[in-house]
Amino acid sequence: MDTSGKNQVYRGDRTIDGIMVTVDGEPLDERYDIHQFTALGFEWTYLGDSPQQLALAMLAHHLGDDQKALELSGSFMREVIANLDNEWEMTSSDIDAALGSIAM
């Protein structure tokens, strides 16, 4: 979790070079060390393994709690990641708001 209190910005984009997901301009780690749902990297706009990998990576980065991120990744994928547009942006505040609406 960001301990400085800064509202981090997560962005996803489909480029000519493929899918790009960043946090504050830096590539977001897939976090295969926590759990590997897929070896194909990130995806969004649908339900599946690659969108759940994105959910896990975003939550692990945001929460700073790998186990909690793994527990919430399925719900976060269904409620948020599957509904993102082709190009998207979410802040730490957006993630907190989404998590508040997901039954924990």
PDB file of N, CA and C in Angstrom:
ATOM      1  N   MET A   1       0.845  -1.179   0.000  1.00  0.00           N
ATOM      2  CA  MET A   1       0.000   0.000   0.000  1.00  0.00           C
ATOM      3  C   MET A   1       0.882   1.230   0.000  1.00  0.00           C
ATOM      4  N   ASP A   2       0.405   2.258  -0.589  1.00  0.00           N
ATOM      5  CA  ASP A   2       1.144   3.510  -0.644  1.00  0.00           C
ATOM      6  C   ASP A   2       1.089   4.174   0.725  1.00  0.00           C
ATOM      7  N   THR A   3       2.199   4.241   1.408  1.00  0.00           N
ATOM      8  CA  THR A   3       2.220   4.801   2.756  1.00  0.00           C
ATOM      9  C   THR A   3       2.362   6.315   2.778  1.00  0.00           C
ATOM     10  N   SER A   4       2.603   6.921   1.631  1.00  0.00           N
ATOM     11  CA  SER A   4       2.763   8.376   1.597  1.00  0.00           C
ATOM     12  C   SER A   4       1.421   9.096   1.563  1.00  0.00           C
ATOM     13  N   GLY A   5       0.320   8.350   1.379  1.00  0.00           N
ATOM     14  CA  GLY A   5      -0.983   8.983   1.309  1.00  0.00           C
ATOM     15  C   GLY A   5      -1.322   9.489  -0.077  1.00  0.00           C
ATOM     16  N   LYS A   6      -0.411   9.304  -1.011  1.00  0.00           N
ATOM     17  CA  LYS A   6      -0.630   9.760  -2.381  1.00  0.00           C
ATOM     18  C   LYS A   6      -1.708   8.910  -3.047  1.00  0.00           C
ATOM     19  N   ASN A   7      -2.556   9.541  -3.820  1.00  0.00           N
ATOM     20  CA  ASN A   7      -3.588   8.825  -4.556  1.00  0.00           C
ATOM     21  C   ASN A   7      -2.964   8.309  -5.844  1.00  0.00           C
ATOM     22  N   GLN A   8      -2.593   7.032  -5.843  1.00  0.00           N
ATOM     23  CA  GLN A   8      -1.920   6.454  -7.000  1.00  0.00           C
ATOM     24  C   GLN A   8      -2.889   6.291  -8.166  1.00  0.00           C
ATOM     25  N   VAL A   9      -2.334   6.307  -9.384  1.00  0.00           N
ATOM     26  CA  VAL A   9      -3.151   6.208 -10.591  1.00  0.00           C
ATOM     27  C   VAL A   9      -2.760   4.949 -11.359  1.00  0.00           C
ATOM     28  N   TYR A  10      -3.740   4.087 -11.549  1.00  0.00           N
ATOM     29  CA  TYR A  10      -3.591   2.848 -12.315  1.00  0.00           C
ATOM     30  C   TYR A  10      -4.217   3.090 -13.685  1.00  0.00           C
ATOM     31  N   ARG A  11      -3.497   2.699 -14.753  1.00  0.00           N
ATOM     32  CA  ARG A  11      -4.005   2.897 -16.118  1.00  0.00           C
ATOM     33  C   ARG A  11      -3.823   1.633 -16.940  1.00  0.00           C
ATOM     34  N   GLY A  12      -4.809   1.377 -17.784  1.00  0.00           N
ATOM     35  CA  GLY A  12      -4.725   0.278 -18.725  1.00  0.00           C
ATOM     36  C   GLY A  12      -5.000   0.784 -20.122  1.00  0.00           C
ATOM     37  N   ASP A  13      -4.239   0.274 -21.082  1.00  0.00           N
ATOM     38  CA  ASP A  13      -4.387   0.716 -22.463  1.00  0.00           C
ATOM     39  C   ASP A  13      -4.034  -0.428 -23.396  1.00  0.00           C
ATOM     40  N   ARG A  14      -4.696  -0.464 -24.525  1.00  0.00           N
ATOM     41  CA  ARG A  14      -4.375  -1.410 -25.590  1.00  0.00           C
ATOM     42  C   ARG A  14      -3.602  -0.623 -26.646  1.00  0.00           C
ATOM     43  N   THR A  15      -2.349  -0.979 -26.833  1.00  0.00           N
ATOM     44  CA  THR A  15      -1.492  -0.260 -27.767  1.00  0.00           C
ATOM     45  C   THR A  15      -1.095  -1.174 -28.922  1.00  0.00           C
ATOM     46  N   ILE A  16      -0.430  -0.612 -29.893  1.00  0.00           N
ATOM     47  CA  ILE A  16       0.058  -1.409 -31.020  1.00  0.00           C
ATOM     48  C   ILE A  16       1.055  -2.463 -30.548  1.00  0.00           C
ATOM     49  N   ASP A  17       1.695  -2.210 -29.407  1.00  0.00           N
ATOM     50  CA  ASP A  17       2.659  -3.151 -28.835  1.00  0.00           C
ATOM     51  C   ASP A  17       2.014  -4.141 -27.876  1.00  0.00           C
ATOM     52  N   GLY A  18       0.711  -4.039 -27.684  1.00  0.00           N
ATOM     53  CA  GLY A  18       0.009  -4.944 -26.784  1.00  0.00           C
ATOM     54  C   GLY A  18      -0.598  -4.214 -25.604  1.00  0.00           C
ATOM     55  N   ILE A  19      -0.975  -4.973 -24.620  1.00  0.00           N
ATOM     56  CA  ILE A  19      -1.630  -4.419 -23.431  1.00  0.00           C
ATOM     57  C   ILE A  19      -0.592  -3.814 -22.492  1.00  0.00           C
ATOM     58  N   MET A  20      -0.933  -2.642 -21.968  1.00  0.00           N
ATOM     59  CA  MET A  20      -0.041  -1.942 -21.053  1.00  0.00           C
ATOM     60  C   MET A  20      -0.835  -1.541 -19.813  1.00  0.00           C
ATOM     61  N   VAL A  21      -0.362  -1.962 -18.643  1.00  0.00           N
ATOM     62  CA  VAL A  21      -0.968  -1.564 -17.378  1.00  0.00           C
ATOM     63  C   VAL A  21       0.129  -0.942 -16.528  1.00  0.00           C
ATOM     64  N   THR A  22      -0.142   0.267 -16.038  1.00  0.00           N
ATOM     65  CA  THR A  22       0.850   0.981 -15.241  1.00  0.00           C
ATOM     66  C   THR A  22       0.224   1.488 -13.946  1.00  0.00           C
ATOM     67  N   VAL A  23       1.099   1.778 -13.001  1.00  0.00           N
ATOM     68  CA  VAL A  23       0.716   2.485 -11.787  1.00  0.00           C
ATOM     69  C   VAL A  23       1.688   3.646 -11.650  1.00  0.00           C
ATOM     70  N   ASP A  24       1.144   4.841 -11.654  1.00  0.00           N
ATOM     71  CA  ASP A  24       1.948   6.064 -11.629  1.00  0.00           C
ATOM     72  C   ASP A  24       3.024   6.041 -12.718  1.00  0.00           C
ATOM     73  N   GLY A  25       2.664   5.520 -13.891  1.00  0.00           N
ATOM     74  CA  GLY A  25       3.558   5.526 -15.045  1.00  0.00           C
ATOM     75  C   GLY A  25       4.532   4.367 -15.126  1.00  0.00           C
ATOM     76  N   GLU A  26       4.597   3.530 -14.097  1.00  0.00           N
ATOM     77  CA  GLU A  26       5.505   2.376 -14.083  1.00  0.00           C
ATOM     78  C   GLU A  26       4.706   1.100 -14.343  1.00  0.00           C
ATOM     79  N   PRO A  27       5.290   0.123 -15.038  1.00  0.00           N
ATOM     80  CA  PRO A  27       4.576  -1.127 -15.297  1.00  0.00           C
ATOM     81  C   PRO A  27       4.145  -1.817 -14.002  1.00  0.00           C
ATOM     82  N   LEU A  28       2.910  -2.332 -14.002  1.00  0.00           N
ATOM     83  CA  LEU A  28       2.395  -3.064 -12.850  1.00  0.00           C
ATOM     84  C   LEU A  28       2.855  -4.516 -12.940  1.00  0.00           C
ATOM     85  N   ASP A  29       3.450  -5.022 -11.871  1.00  0.00           N
ATOM     86  CA  ASP A  29       3.926  -6.405 -11.798  1.00  0.00           C
ATOM     87  C   ASP A  29       2.735  -7.365 -11.800  1.00  0.00           C
ATOM     88  N   GLU A  30       2.811  -8.456 -12.559  1.00  0.00           N
ATOM     89  CA  GLU A  30       1.720  -9.430 -12.646  1.00  0.00           C
ATOM     90  C   GLU A  30       1.483 -10.166 -11.339  1.00  0.00           C
ATOM     91  N   ARG A  31       2.458 -10.206 -10.466  1.00  0.00           N
ATOM     92  CA  ARG A  31       2.394 -10.859  -9.153  1.00  0.00           C
ATOM     93  C   ARG A  31       2.125 -12.353  -9.255  1.00  0.00           C
ATOM     94  N   TYR A  32       2.814 -13.001 -10.198  1.00  0.00           N
ATOM     95  CA  TYR A  32       2.757 -14.451 -10.317  1.00  0.00           C
ATOM     96  C   TYR A  32       3.291 -15.130  -9.055  1.00  0.00           C
ATOM     97  N   ASP A  33       4.061 -14.402  -8.244  1.00  0.00           N
ATOM     98  CA  ASP A  33       4.592 -14.959  -7.006  1.00  0.00           C
ATOM     99  C   ASP A  33       3.493 -15.235  -5.980  1.00  0.00           C
ATOM    100  N   ILE A  34       2.368 -14.552  -6.087  1.00  0.00           N
ATOM    101  CA  ILE A  34       1.245 -14.782  -5.174  1.00  0.00           C
ATOM    102  C   ILE A  34       0.414 -15.954  -5.691  1.00  0.00           C
ATOM    103  N   HIS A  35      -0.015 -15.839  -6.955  1.00  0.00           N
ATOM    104  CA  HIS A  35      -0.792 -16.892  -7.606  1.00  0.00           C
ATOM    105  C   HIS A  35      -0.786 -16.638  -9.105  1.00  0.00           C
ATOM    106  N   GLN A  36      -0.629 -17.694  -9.870  1.00  0.00           N
ATOM    107  CA  GLN A  36      -0.640 -17.559 -11.325  1.00  0.00           C
ATOM    108  C   GLN A  36      -1.943 -18.132 -11.868  1.00  0.00           C
ATOM    109  N   PHE A  37      -2.874 -17.231 -12.204  1.00  0.00           N
ATOM    110  CA  PHE A  37      -4.127 -17.637 -12.828  1.00  0.00           C
ATOM    111  C   PHE A  37      -3.902 -17.941 -14.302  1.00  0.00           C
ATOM    112  N   THR A  38      -2.928 -17.257 -14.908  1.00  0.00           N
ATOM    113  CA  THR A  38      -2.634 -17.391 -16.333  1.00  0.00           C
ATOM    114  C   THR A  38      -1.184 -17.022 -16.579  1.00  0.00           C
ATOM    115  N   ALA A  39      -0.626 -17.508 -17.673  1.00  0.00           N
ATOM    116  CA  ALA A  39       0.713 -17.091 -18.091  1.00  0.00           C
ATOM    117  C   ALA A  39       0.621 -16.075 -19.223  1.00  0.00           C
ATOM    118  N   LEU A  40      -0.595 -15.667 -19.541  1.00  0.00           N
ATOM    119  CA  LEU A  40      -0.821 -14.786 -20.696  1.00  0.00           C
ATOM    120  C   LEU A  40      -0.859 -13.309 -20.340  1.00  0.00           C
ATOM    121  N   GLY A  41      -0.627 -12.959 -19.090  1.00  0.00           N
ATOM    122  CA  GLY A  41      -0.609 -11.552 -18.707  1.00  0.00           C
ATOM    123  C   GLY A  41      -1.997 -11.016 -18.401  1.00  0.00           C
ATOM    124  N   PHE A  42      -2.106  -9.704 -18.423  1.00  0.00           N
ATOM    125  CA  PHE A  42      -3.328  -9.009 -18.034  1.00  0.00           C
ATOM    126  C   PHE A  42      -4.337  -8.933 -19.172  1.00  0.00           C
ATOM    127  N   GLU A  43      -5.598  -8.822 -18.795  1.00  0.00           N
ATOM    128  CA  GLU A  43      -6.708  -8.527 -19.690  1.00  0.00           C
ATOM    129  C   GLU A  43      -7.809  -7.900 -18.857  1.00  0.00           C
ATOM    130  N   TRP A  44      -8.823  -7.379 -19.537  1.00  0.00           N
ATOM    131  CA  TRP A  44      -9.990  -6.829 -18.864  1.00  0.00           C
ATOM    132  C   TRP A  44     -11.147  -6.814 -19.849  1.00  0.00           C
ATOM    133  N   THR A  45     -12.309  -6.379 -19.435  1.00  0.00           N
ATOM    134  CA  THR A  45     -13.582  -6.286 -20.180  1.00  0.00           C
ATOM    135  C   THR A  45     -14.348  -7.605 -20.225  1.00  0.00           C
ATOM    136  N   TYR A  46     -13.866  -8.643 -19.569  1.00  0.00           N
ATOM    137  CA  TYR A  46     -14.596  -9.907 -19.520  1.00  0.00           C
ATOM    138  C   TYR A  46     -14.194 -10.672 -18.264  1.00  0.00           C
ATOM    139  N   LEU A  47     -14.886 -11.771 -17.974  1.00  0.00           N
ATOM    140  CA  LEU A  47     -14.557 -12.637 -16.843  1.00  0.00           C
ATOM    141  C   LEU A  47     -13.584 -13.706 -17.308  1.00  0.00           C
ATOM    142  N   GLY A  48     -12.507 -13.924 -16.562  1.00  0.00           N
ATOM    143  CA  GLY A  48     -11.559 -14.956 -16.949  1.00  0.00           C
ATOM    144  C   GLY A  48     -10.279 -14.886 -16.138  1.00  0.00           C
ATOM    145  N   ASP A  49      -9.342 -15.758 -16.505  1.00  0.00           N
ATOM    146  CA  ASP A  49      -8.087 -15.860 -15.769  1.00  0.00           C
ATOM    147  C   ASP A  49      -7.206 -14.622 -15.904  1.00  0.00           C
ATOM    148  N   SER A  50      -7.072 -14.088 -17.108  1.00  0.00           N
ATOM    149  CA  SER A  50      -6.226 -12.897 -17.303  1.00  0.00           C
ATOM    150  C   SER A  50      -6.795 -11.667 -16.596  1.00  0.00           C
ATOM    151  N   PRO A  51      -8.127 -11.444 -16.632  1.00  0.00           N
ATOM    152  CA  PRO A  51      -8.677 -10.345 -15.835  1.00  0.00           C
ATOM    153  C   PRO A  51      -8.485 -10.560 -14.330  1.00  0.00           C
ATOM    154  N   GLN A  52      -8.545 -11.816 -13.877  1.00  0.00           N
ATOM    155  CA  GLN A  52      -8.326 -12.051 -12.450  1.00  0.00           C
ATOM    156  C   GLN A  52      -6.874 -11.811 -12.075  1.00  0.00           C
ATOM    157  N   GLN A  53      -5.940 -12.069 -13.000  1.00  0.00           N
ATOM    158  CA  GLN A  53      -4.533 -11.767 -12.732  1.00  0.00           C
ATOM    159  C   GLN A  53      -4.351 -10.262 -12.539  1.00  0.00           C
ATOM    160  N   LEU A  54      -5.046  -9.471 -13.354  1.00  0.00           N
ATOM    161  CA  LEU A  54      -4.998  -8.013 -13.205  1.00  0.00           C
ATOM    162  C   LEU A  54      -5.600  -7.596 -11.865  1.00  0.00           C
ATOM    163  N   ALA A  55      -6.730  -8.176 -11.515  1.00  0.00           N
ATOM    164  CA  ALA A  55      -7.360  -7.846 -10.234  1.00  0.00           C
ATOM    165  C   ALA A  55      -6.410  -8.138  -9.078  1.00  0.00           C
ATOM    166  N   LEU A  56      -5.785  -9.298  -9.112  1.00  0.00           N
ATOM    167  CA  LEU A  56      -4.831  -9.680  -8.064  1.00  0.00           C
ATOM    168  C   LEU A  56      -3.674  -8.688  -7.986  1.00  0.00           C
ATOM    169  N   ALA A  57      -3.095  -8.364  -9.123  1.00  0.00           N
ATOM    170  CA  ALA A  57      -1.935  -7.464  -9.142  1.00  0.00           C
ATOM    171  C   ALA A  57      -2.291  -6.075  -8.628  1.00  0.00           C
ATOM    172  N   MET A  58      -3.438  -5.552  -9.069  1.00  0.00           N
ATOM    173  CA  MET A  58      -3.851  -4.225  -8.607  1.00  0.00           C
ATOM    174  C   MET A  58      -4.115  -4.226  -7.106  1.00  0.00           C
ATOM    175  N   LEU A  59      -4.826  -5.230  -6.625  1.00  0.00           N
ATOM    176  CA  LEU A  59      -5.148  -5.280  -5.198  1.00  0.00           C
ATOM    177  C   LEU A  59      -3.912  -5.508  -4.345  1.00  0.00           C
ATOM    178  N   ALA A  60      -3.007  -6.364  -4.800  1.00  0.00           N
ATOM    179  CA  ALA A  60      -1.775  -6.598  -4.036  1.00  0.00           C
ATOM    180  C   ALA A  60      -0.975  -5.313  -3.922  1.00  0.00           C
ATOM    181  N   HIS A  61      -0.886  -4.585  -5.015  1.00  0.00           N
ATOM    182  CA  HIS A  61      -0.156  -3.317  -4.990  1.00  0.00           C
ATOM    183  C   HIS A  61      -0.863  -2.307  -4.092  1.00  0.00           C
ATOM    184  N   HIS A  62      -2.157  -2.207  -4.261  1.00  0.00           N
ATOM    185  CA  HIS A  62      -2.940  -1.208  -3.522  1.00  0.00           C
ATOM    186  C   HIS A  62      -3.030  -1.519  -2.027  1.00  0.00           C
ATOM    187  N   LEU A  63      -3.331  -2.770  -1.693  1.00  0.00           N
ATOM    188  CA  LEU A  63      -3.548  -3.129  -0.296  1.00  0.00           C
ATOM    189  C   LEU A  63      -2.256  -3.394   0.468  1.00  0.00           C
ATOM    190  N   GLY A  64      -1.225  -3.870  -0.248  1.00  0.00           N
ATOM    191  CA  GLY A  64      -0.001  -4.247   0.433  1.00  0.00           C
ATOM    192  C   GLY A  64      -0.189  -5.509   1.267  1.00  0.00           C
ATOM    193  N   ASP A  65      -1.210  -6.298   0.939  1.00  0.00           N
ATOM    194  CA  ASP A  65      -1.529  -7.518   1.677  1.00  0.00           C
ATOM    195  C   ASP A  65      -1.841  -8.596   0.634  1.00  0.00           C
ATOM    196  N   ASP A  66      -0.849  -9.455   0.375  1.00  0.00           N
ATOM    197  CA  ASP A  66      -0.975 -10.451  -0.688  1.00  0.00           C
ATOM    198  C   ASP A  66      -2.140 -11.409  -0.457  1.00  0.00           C
ATOM    199  N   GLN A  67      -2.314 -11.869   0.769  1.00  0.00           N
ATOM    200  CA  GLN A  67      -3.385 -12.819   1.062  1.00  0.00           C
ATOM    201  C   GLN A  67      -4.756 -12.186   0.867  1.00  0.00           C
ATOM    202  N   LYS A  68      -4.932 -10.977   1.345  1.00  0.00           N
ATOM    203  CA  LYS A  68      -6.215 -10.266   1.185  1.00  0.00           C
ATOM    204  C   LYS A  68      -6.480 -10.010  -0.296  1.00  0.00           C
ATOM    205  N   ALA A  69      -5.435  -9.661  -1.031  1.00  0.00           N
ATOM    206  CA  ALA A  69      -5.579  -9.424  -2.476  1.00  0.00           C
ATOM    207  C   ALA A  69      -6.050 -10.692  -3.172  1.00  0.00           C
ATOM    208  N   LEU A  70      -5.478 -11.834  -2.805  1.00  0.00           N
ATOM    209  CA  LEU A  70      -5.879 -13.106  -3.404  1.00  0.00           C
ATOM    210  C   LEU A  70      -7.328 -13.427  -3.067  1.00  0.00           C
ATOM    211  N   GLU A  71      -7.714 -13.211  -1.821  1.00  0.00           N
ATOM    212  CA  GLU A  71      -9.090 -13.478  -1.387  1.00  0.00           C
ATOM    213  C   GLU A  71     -10.106 -12.624  -2.135  1.00  0.00           C
ATOM    214  N   LEU A  72      -9.761 -11.375  -2.410  1.00  0.00           N
ATOM    215  CA  LEU A  72     -10.697 -10.434  -3.034  1.00  0.00           C
ATOM    216  C   LEU A  72     -10.611 -10.399  -4.558  1.00  0.00           C
ATOM    217  N   SER A  73      -9.614 -11.055  -5.134  1.00  0.00           N
ATOM    218  CA  SER A  73      -9.372 -10.910  -6.572  1.00  0.00           C
ATOM    219  C   SER A  73     -10.544 -11.376  -7.433  1.00  0.00           C
ATOM    220  N   GLY A  74     -11.219 -12.436  -7.053  1.00  0.00           N
ATOM    221  CA  GLY A  74     -12.355 -12.916  -7.840  1.00  0.00           C
ATOM    222  C   GLY A  74     -13.506 -11.924  -7.855  1.00  0.00           C
ATOM    223  N   SER A  75     -13.864 -11.426  -6.688  1.00  0.00           N
ATOM    224  CA  SER A  75     -14.948 -10.440  -6.582  1.00  0.00           C
ATOM    225  C   SER A  75     -14.585  -9.143  -7.295  1.00  0.00           C
ATOM    226  N   PHE A  76     -13.347  -8.690  -7.115  1.00  0.00           N
ATOM    227  CA  PHE A  76     -12.909  -7.449  -7.745  1.00  0.00           C
ATOM    228  C   PHE A  76     -12.896  -7.606  -9.270  1.00  0.00           C
ATOM    229  N   MET A  77     -12.490  -8.777  -9.743  1.00  0.00           N
ATOM    230  CA  MET A  77     -12.505  -9.039 -11.187  1.00  0.00           C
ATOM    231  C   MET A  77     -13.932  -8.961 -11.714  1.00  0.00           C
ATOM    232  N   ARG A  78     -14.876  -9.623 -11.035  1.00  0.00           N
ATOM    233  CA  ARG A  78     -16.269  -9.642 -11.504  1.00  0.00           C
ATOM    234  C   ARG A  78     -16.917  -8.267 -11.441  1.00  0.00           C
ATOM    235  N   GLU A  79     -16.680  -7.527 -10.368  1.00  0.00           N
ATOM    236  CA  GLU A  79     -17.364  -6.258 -10.155  1.00  0.00           C
ATOM    237  C   GLU A  79     -16.704  -5.060 -10.849  1.00  0.00           C
ATOM    238  N   VAL A  80     -15.389  -5.132 -11.044  1.00  0.00           N
ATOM    239  CA  VAL A  80     -14.663  -3.962 -11.563  1.00  0.00           C
ATOM    240  C   VAL A  80     -13.939  -4.261 -12.873  1.00  0.00           C
ATOM    241  N   ILE A  81     -13.011  -5.188 -12.848  1.00  0.00           N
ATOM    242  CA  ILE A  81     -12.132  -5.438 -13.996  1.00  0.00           C
ATOM    243  C   ILE A  81     -12.917  -5.855 -15.236  1.00  0.00           C
ATOM    244  N   ALA A  82     -13.911  -6.718 -15.081  1.00  0.00           N
ATOM    245  CA  ALA A  82     -14.696  -7.182 -16.231  1.00  0.00           C
ATOM    246  C   ALA A  82     -15.505  -6.060 -16.874  1.00  0.00           C
ATOM    247  N   ASN A  83     -15.707  -4.977 -16.143  1.00  0.00           N
ATOM    248  CA  ASN A  83     -16.530  -3.872 -16.635  1.00  0.00           C
ATOM    249  C   ASN A  83     -15.730  -2.666 -17.121  1.00  0.00           C
ATOM    250  N   LEU A  84     -14.411  -2.773 -17.147  1.00  0.00           N
ATOM    251  CA  LEU A  84     -13.586  -1.655 -17.610  1.00  0.00           C
ATOM    252  C   LEU A  84     -13.691  -1.480 -19.125  1.00  0.00           C
ATOM    253  N   ASP A  85     -13.478  -0.253 -19.585  1.00  0.00           N
ATOM    254  CA  ASP A  85     -13.409   0.037 -21.017  1.00  0.00           C
ATOM    255  C   ASP A  85     -12.050  -0.394 -21.563  1.00  0.00           C
ATOM    256  N   ASN A  86     -11.881  -0.322 -22.874  1.00  0.00           N
ATOM    257  CA  ASN A  86     -10.598  -0.681 -23.486  1.00  0.00           C
ATOM    258  C   ASN A  86      -9.454   0.138 -22.915  1.00  0.00           C
ATOM    259  N   GLU A  87      -9.670   1.432 -22.707  1.00  0.00           N
ATOM    260  CA  GLU A  87      -8.704   2.303 -22.037  1.00  0.00           C
ATOM    261  C   GLU A  87      -9.348   2.742 -20.745  1.00  0.00           C
ATOM    262  N   TRP A  88      -8.608   2.650 -19.642  1.00  0.00           N
ATOM    263  CA  TRP A  88      -9.192   2.985 -18.350  1.00  0.00           C
ATOM    264  C   TRP A  88      -8.163   3.601 -17.418  1.00  0.00           C
ATOM    265  N   GLU A  89      -8.698   4.247 -16.384  1.00  0.00           N
ATOM    266  CA  GLU A  89      -7.875   4.839 -15.333  1.00  0.00           C
ATOM    267  C   GLU A  89      -8.635   4.701 -14.027  1.00  0.00           C
ATOM    268  N   MET A  90      -7.938   4.262 -13.000  1.00  0.00           N
ATOM    269  CA  MET A  90      -8.497   4.164 -11.653  1.00  0.00           C
ATOM    270  C   MET A  90      -7.486   4.721 -10.664  1.00  0.00           C
ATOM    271  N   THR A  91      -7.980   5.415  -9.681  1.00  0.00           N
ATOM    272  CA  THR A  91      -7.111   5.909  -8.616  1.00  0.00           C
ATOM    273  C   THR A  91      -7.238   4.995  -7.398  1.00  0.00           C
ATOM    274  N   SER A  92      -6.362   5.192  -6.451  1.00  0.00           N
ATOM    275  CA  SER A  92      -6.453   4.458  -5.186  1.00  0.00           C
ATOM    276  C   SER A  92      -7.821   4.682  -4.546  1.00  0.00           C
ATOM    277  N   SER A  93      -8.330   5.888  -4.639  1.00  0.00           N
ATOM    278  CA  SER A  93      -9.654   6.199  -4.080  1.00  0.00           C
ATOM    279  C   SER A  93     -10.748   5.413  -4.785  1.00  0.00           C
ATOM    280  N   ASP A  94     -10.636   5.267  -6.108  1.00  0.00           N
ATOM    281  CA  ASP A  94     -11.603   4.471  -6.869  1.00  0.00           C
ATOM    282  C   ASP A  94     -11.593   3.016  -6.406  1.00  0.00           C
ATOM    283  N   ILE A  95     -10.403   2.480  -6.182  1.00  0.00           N
ATOM    284  CA  ILE A  95     -10.285   1.092  -5.723  1.00  0.00           C
ATOM    285  C   ILE A  95     -10.913   0.938  -4.341  1.00  0.00           C
ATOM    286  N   ASP A  96     -10.619   1.876  -3.445  1.00  0.00           N
ATOM    287  CA  ASP A  96     -11.214   1.839  -2.105  1.00  0.00           C
ATOM    288  C   ASP A  96     -12.732   1.873  -2.187  1.00  0.00           C
ATOM    289  N   ALA A  97     -13.276   2.722  -3.052  1.00  0.00           N
ATOM    290  CA  ALA A  97     -14.736   2.823  -3.205  1.00  0.00           C
ATOM    291  C   ALA A  97     -15.308   1.513  -3.737  1.00  0.00           C
ATOM    292  N   ALA A  98     -14.638   0.911  -4.701  1.00  0.00           N
ATOM    293  CA  ALA A  98     -15.103  -0.367  -5.267  1.00  0.00           C
ATOM    294  C   ALA A  98     -15.050  -1.454  -4.201  1.00  0.00           C
ATOM    295  N   LEU A  99     -13.984  -1.513  -3.435  1.00  0.00           N
ATOM    296  CA  LEU A  99     -13.859  -2.520  -2.386  1.00  0.00           C
ATOM    297  C   LEU A  99     -14.940  -2.333  -1.318  1.00  0.00           C
ATOM    298  N   GLY A 100     -15.323  -1.081  -1.075  1.00  0.00           N
ATOM    299  CA  GLY A 100     -16.377  -0.804  -0.099  1.00  0.00           C
ATOM    300  C   GLY A 100     -17.725  -1.371  -0.520  1.00  0.00           C
ATOM    301  N   SER A 101     -17.933  -1.523  -1.834  1.00  0.00           N
ATOM    302  CA  SER A 101     -19.201  -2.041  -2.327  1.00  0.00           C
ATOM    303  C   SER A 101     -19.187  -3.566  -2.508  1.00  0.00           C
ATOM    304  N   ILE A 102     -18.002  -4.167  -2.392  1.00  0.00           N
ATOM    305  CA  ILE A 102     -17.873  -5.624  -2.525  1.00  0.00           C
ATOM    306  C   ILE A 102     -17.988  -6.242  -1.136  1.00  0.00           C
ATOM    307  N   ALA A 103     -18.832  -7.219  -1.006  1.00  0.00           N
ATOM    308  CA  ALA A 103     -18.991  -7.892   0.297  1.00  0.00           C
ATOM    309  C   ALA A 103     -17.681  -8.567   0.683  1.00  0.00           C
ATOM    310  N   MET A 104     -17.079  -8.119   1.762  1.00  0.00           N
ATOM    311  CA  MET A 104     -15.831  -8.703   2.238  1.00  0.00           C
ATOM    312  C   MET A 104     -16.188  -9.676   3.313  1.00  0.00           C
TER     313      MET A 104
END
